[in-house]
Amino acid sequence: MKPLNAFRSSLFVLIVLHAVGAIGILAGFAPLLLPLSAVNLLIAAAILVGLSRNQWSAWWLLAPLGGFIAEVAGVQTGLLFGAYSYGSSLGPCIGGVPLMLGPLWLMMLWGSWSLIHRLKLQAKPKLPNILLSAAIMTALDGLIEPVAIRAGWWTWHNEMGTVPWTNYASWFGVAALLLSFAPAPKRDEGTSIASALFLIFTVFFTLLNLFPWTP
């Protein structure tokens, strides 16, 4: 299969999966679809990693591992993101954190990094790209939080049950730290699918924030 066809096929699969998910949830099928969230994330991560095989480096292990370790530290201490805990719908856990959180961090990190670079910003100086990528990744987390809380993916343990500011500060800080080691994306189908996936996530969670639905 040619790279262009691989990209188009992968993009089609990702769009269909998220369109069916968003429309189905808004149409009242959330109890049926939400338990499949981990499967959807696994498919998306497999597509991203597969199409990006020409860009693999040690960072591709560092990013999901670093994000996962940060999550475990956050859950166990409450000092990093705030006091929170995960539900069971995202699959098996280690240290109170679903294993799928590692791939999710990779997808969000590489997606934001690829998107900023596709806007034709220069790879050097690197600091502006790091800050911009971390900023849009944190903004995406802002869209994810209300949906995740309603879906029962995780719960915040404070008086109001709301997202503390420390969550966003830590997301930005951890993302910026991990992105500081990221290589410059190549202009290939892997970078294109990473950027597209980030935008698909953004549209998906925007829709679930704009319209009412019942978990």
Protein backbone atom coordinates (compact mmCIF):
# COMPACT_ATOMS: atom_id res chain seq x y z
CA MET A 1 0.00 0.00 0.00
CA LYS A 2 1.38 3.39 -0.96
CA PRO A 3 1.91 5.93 1.86
CA LEU A 4 -0.73 8.28 0.40
CA ASN A 5 -3.32 5.50 0.37
CA ALA A 6 -2.31 4.48 3.87
CA PHE A 7 -2.81 8.03 5.06
CA ARG A 8 -6.20 8.41 3.39
CA SER A 9 -7.42 5.06 4.66
CA SER A 10 -6.23 5.82 8.18
CA LEU A 11 -7.77 9.28 8.14
CA PHE A 12 -11.08 7.80 6.96
CA VAL A 13 -11.05 5.25 9.80
CA LEU A 14 -10.29 7.91 12.42
CA ILE A 15 -12.98 10.28 11.14
CA VAL A 16 -15.60 7.52 10.99
CA LEU A 17 -14.77 6.22 14.47
CA HIS A 18 -15.03 9.64 16.07
CA ALA A 19 -18.05 10.71 14.02
CA VAL A 20 -19.93 7.56 15.01
CA GLY A 21 -18.85 8.10 18.61
CA ALA A 22 -19.93 11.74 18.77
CA ILE A 23 -23.21 11.27 16.91
CA GLY A 24 -24.01 8.09 18.81
CA ILE A 25 -23.37 9.67 22.21
CA LEU A 26 -25.43 12.75 21.35
CA ALA A 27 -28.20 10.47 20.04
CA GLY A 28 -28.49 8.68 23.38
CA PHE A 29 -26.20 5.68 22.90
CA ALA A 30 -23.54 6.80 25.40
CA PRO A 31 -24.01 3.73 27.67
CA LEU A 32 -23.18 1.54 24.67
CA LEU A 33 -20.33 3.61 23.23
CA LEU A 34 -18.47 4.99 26.25
CA PRO A 35 -17.22 1.54 27.37
CA LEU A 36 -15.49 1.31 23.98
CA SER A 37 -13.39 4.43 24.64
CA ALA A 38 -10.22 2.45 25.40
CA VAL A 39 -10.63 0.45 22.18
CA ASN A 40 -11.00 3.66 20.18
CA LEU A 41 -7.87 5.11 21.76
CA LEU A 42 -5.95 1.89 21.08
CA ILE A 43 -6.92 1.94 17.38
CA ALA A 44 -5.97 5.62 17.07
CA ALA A 45 -2.60 5.03 18.77
CA ALA A 46 -1.86 2.00 16.58
CA ILE A 47 -2.58 4.04 13.43
CA LEU A 48 -0.37 6.90 14.59
CA VAL A 49 2.54 4.66 15.59
CA GLY A 50 2.26 2.57 12.43
CA LEU A 51 2.29 5.52 10.03
CA SER A 52 5.11 7.19 11.97
CA ARG A 53 7.49 4.24 11.92
CA ASN A 54 10.03 6.25 9.87
CA GLN A 55 10.25 8.75 12.74
CA TRP A 56 10.61 6.34 15.65
CA SER A 57 13.26 7.27 18.19
CA ALA A 58 13.85 6.94 21.92
CA TRP A 59 11.42 9.84 22.42
CA TRP A 60 8.55 7.61 21.26
CA LEU A 61 9.12 5.59 24.43
CA LEU A 62 9.97 8.57 26.62
CA ALA A 63 6.75 10.46 25.81
CA PRO A 64 4.14 7.83 26.81
CA LEU A 65 6.26 6.59 29.71
CA GLY A 66 6.86 10.12 31.02
CA GLY A 67 3.19 11.01 30.74
CA PHE A 68 2.15 7.79 32.45
CA ILE A 69 4.63 8.26 35.31
CA ALA A 70 3.36 11.83 35.81
CA GLU A 71 -0.20 10.48 36.00
CA VAL A 72 0.75 7.83 38.55
CA ALA A 73 2.53 10.46 40.64
CA GLY A 74 -0.53 12.68 40.37
CA VAL A 75 -3.01 9.98 41.39
CA GLN A 76 -0.88 8.67 44.24
CA THR A 77 0.07 12.02 45.78
CA GLY A 78 -2.47 14.58 44.58
CA LEU A 79 0.39 17.07 44.45
CA LEU A 80 0.92 17.33 40.70
CA PHE A 81 -2.43 17.72 38.98
CA GLY A 82 -4.67 17.75 42.03
CA ALA A 83 -6.64 15.11 43.94
CA TYR A 84 -8.32 12.80 41.41
CA SER A 85 -8.88 9.15 40.59
CA TYR A 86 -9.71 7.15 37.49
CA GLY A 87 -12.78 5.03 36.86
CA SER A 88 -12.73 1.57 35.30
CA SER A 89 -13.97 2.44 31.80
CA LEU A 90 -10.54 3.18 30.32
CA GLY A 91 -9.24 -0.33 30.85
CA PRO A 92 -6.69 -2.01 33.14
CA CYS A 93 -4.66 0.16 35.49
CA ILE A 94 -1.24 0.23 37.10
CA GLY A 95 -0.79 2.47 40.12
CA GLY A 96 -4.38 3.63 39.73
CA VAL A 97 -3.80 4.89 36.17
CA PRO A 98 -5.21 3.21 33.01
CA LEU A 99 -2.48 1.88 30.76
CA MET A 100 -4.12 3.70 27.85
CA LEU A 101 -3.05 7.03 29.36
CA GLY A 102 0.48 6.44 28.06
CA PRO A 103 -0.61 6.21 24.41
CA LEU A 104 -3.00 9.12 24.96
CA TRP A 105 -0.11 11.32 26.11
CA LEU A 106 1.87 10.24 23.04
CA MET A 107 -0.99 11.09 20.68
CA MET A 108 -1.59 14.49 22.25
CA LEU A 109 2.10 15.37 22.48
CA TRP A 110 3.03 14.31 18.95
CA GLY A 111 -0.22 15.69 17.57
CA SER A 112 0.30 19.16 19.04
CA TRP A 113 3.99 19.10 18.08
CA SER A 114 3.23 18.06 14.50
CA LEU A 115 0.43 20.60 14.15
CA ILE A 116 2.60 23.52 15.27
CA HIS A 117 5.35 22.45 12.87
CA ARG A 118 2.86 22.11 10.01
CA LEU A 119 1.97 25.77 10.55
CA LYS A 120 5.44 26.37 9.04
CA LEU A 121 7.00 27.64 12.25
CA GLN A 122 10.73 27.13 12.21
CA ALA A 123 12.23 24.21 14.10
CA LYS A 124 14.72 26.72 15.55
CA PRO A 125 14.44 28.43 17.92
CA LYS A 126 12.75 25.46 19.55
CA LEU A 127 11.38 27.18 22.66
CA PRO A 128 8.44 28.99 20.96
CA ASN A 129 7.36 25.70 19.36
CA ILE A 130 7.54 23.94 22.72
CA LEU A 131 5.45 26.59 24.46
CA LEU A 132 2.86 26.77 21.68
CA SER A 133 2.55 23.00 21.47
CA ALA A 134 2.18 22.68 25.25
CA ALA A 135 -0.39 25.49 25.20
CA ILE A 136 -2.67 23.92 22.58
CA MET A 137 -2.31 20.52 24.25
CA THR A 138 -3.41 22.07 27.56
CA ALA A 139 -6.31 23.76 25.76
CA LEU A 140 -7.39 20.37 24.40
CA ASP A 141 -7.30 19.00 27.93
CA GLY A 142 -9.66 21.83 28.85
CA LEU A 143 -12.13 20.42 26.31
CA ILE A 144 -11.61 16.85 27.50
CA GLU A 145 -12.14 17.51 31.22
CA PRO A 146 -15.92 18.21 31.27
CA VAL A 147 -16.60 15.24 29.00
CA ALA A 148 -14.36 12.92 31.01
CA ILE A 149 -16.00 13.91 34.29
CA ARG A 150 -19.49 13.34 32.90
CA ALA A 151 -18.44 10.04 31.33
CA GLY A 152 -16.90 8.82 34.58
CA TRP A 153 -13.43 8.42 33.13
CA TRP A 154 -12.04 10.21 36.17
CA THR A 155 -13.26 12.11 39.23
CA TRP A 156 -11.87 15.16 40.99
CA HIS A 157 -11.85 14.94 44.77
CA ASN A 158 -12.41 18.45 46.04
CA GLU A 159 -15.33 20.33 47.56
CA MET A 160 -16.84 21.33 44.22
CA GLY A 161 -15.69 18.34 42.18
CA THR A 162 -14.26 20.76 39.65
CA VAL A 163 -10.95 20.86 37.81
CA PRO A 164 -8.28 22.74 39.83
CA TRP A 165 -5.94 25.21 38.17
CA THR A 166 -3.02 22.97 39.15
CA ASN A 167 -4.23 20.41 36.62
CA TYR A 168 -3.75 22.79 33.71
CA ALA A 169 -0.48 24.15 35.07
CA SER A 170 0.89 20.61 35.44
CA TRP A 171 -0.37 19.55 32.01
CA PHE A 172 1.45 22.51 30.49
CA GLY A 173 4.61 21.89 32.52
CA VAL A 174 4.82 18.15 31.89
CA ALA A 175 4.00 18.61 28.20
CA ALA A 176 6.65 21.31 27.79
CA LEU A 177 9.24 19.14 29.54
CA LEU A 178 8.55 16.11 27.35
CA LEU A 179 8.36 18.20 24.19
CA SER A 180 11.76 19.70 24.92
CA PHE A 181 13.23 16.30 23.99
CA ALA A 182 11.04 15.80 20.91
CA PRO A 183 12.68 15.58 17.48
CA ALA A 184 11.46 17.82 14.67
CA PRO A 185 8.70 16.01 12.75
CA LYS A 186 9.42 14.93 9.20
CA ARG A 187 7.05 15.98 6.44
CA ASP A 188 5.43 12.60 5.87
CA GLU A 189 2.14 10.77 6.38
CA GLY A 190 2.94 10.16 10.06
CA THR A 191 3.13 13.88 10.80
CA SER A 192 -0.01 14.48 8.75
CA ILE A 193 -2.03 11.84 10.60
CA ALA A 194 -0.78 13.14 13.96
CA SER A 195 -1.96 16.67 13.13
CA ALA A 196 -5.27 15.36 11.81
CA LEU A 197 -5.82 13.23 14.92
CA PHE A 198 -5.27 16.23 17.16
CA LEU A 199 -7.87 18.19 15.18
CA ILE A 200 -10.28 15.23 15.24
CA PHE A 201 -9.94 15.05 19.03
CA THR A 202 -10.62 18.79 19.19
CA VAL A 203 -13.80 18.58 17.10
CA PHE A 204 -15.02 15.47 18.93
CA PHE A 205 -14.73 16.98 22.40
CA THR A 206 -16.01 20.38 21.25
CA LEU A 207 -19.23 18.73 20.03
CA LEU A 208 -19.69 16.87 23.32
CA ASN A 209 -19.23 20.14 25.18
CA LEU A 210 -21.64 22.12 23.01
CA PHE A 211 -24.59 19.71 22.96
CA PRO A 212 -26.36 17.93 25.85
CA TRP A 213 -26.03 14.19 26.35
CA THR A 214 -26.57 11.63 29.11
CA PRO A 215 -23.90 9.09 30.12
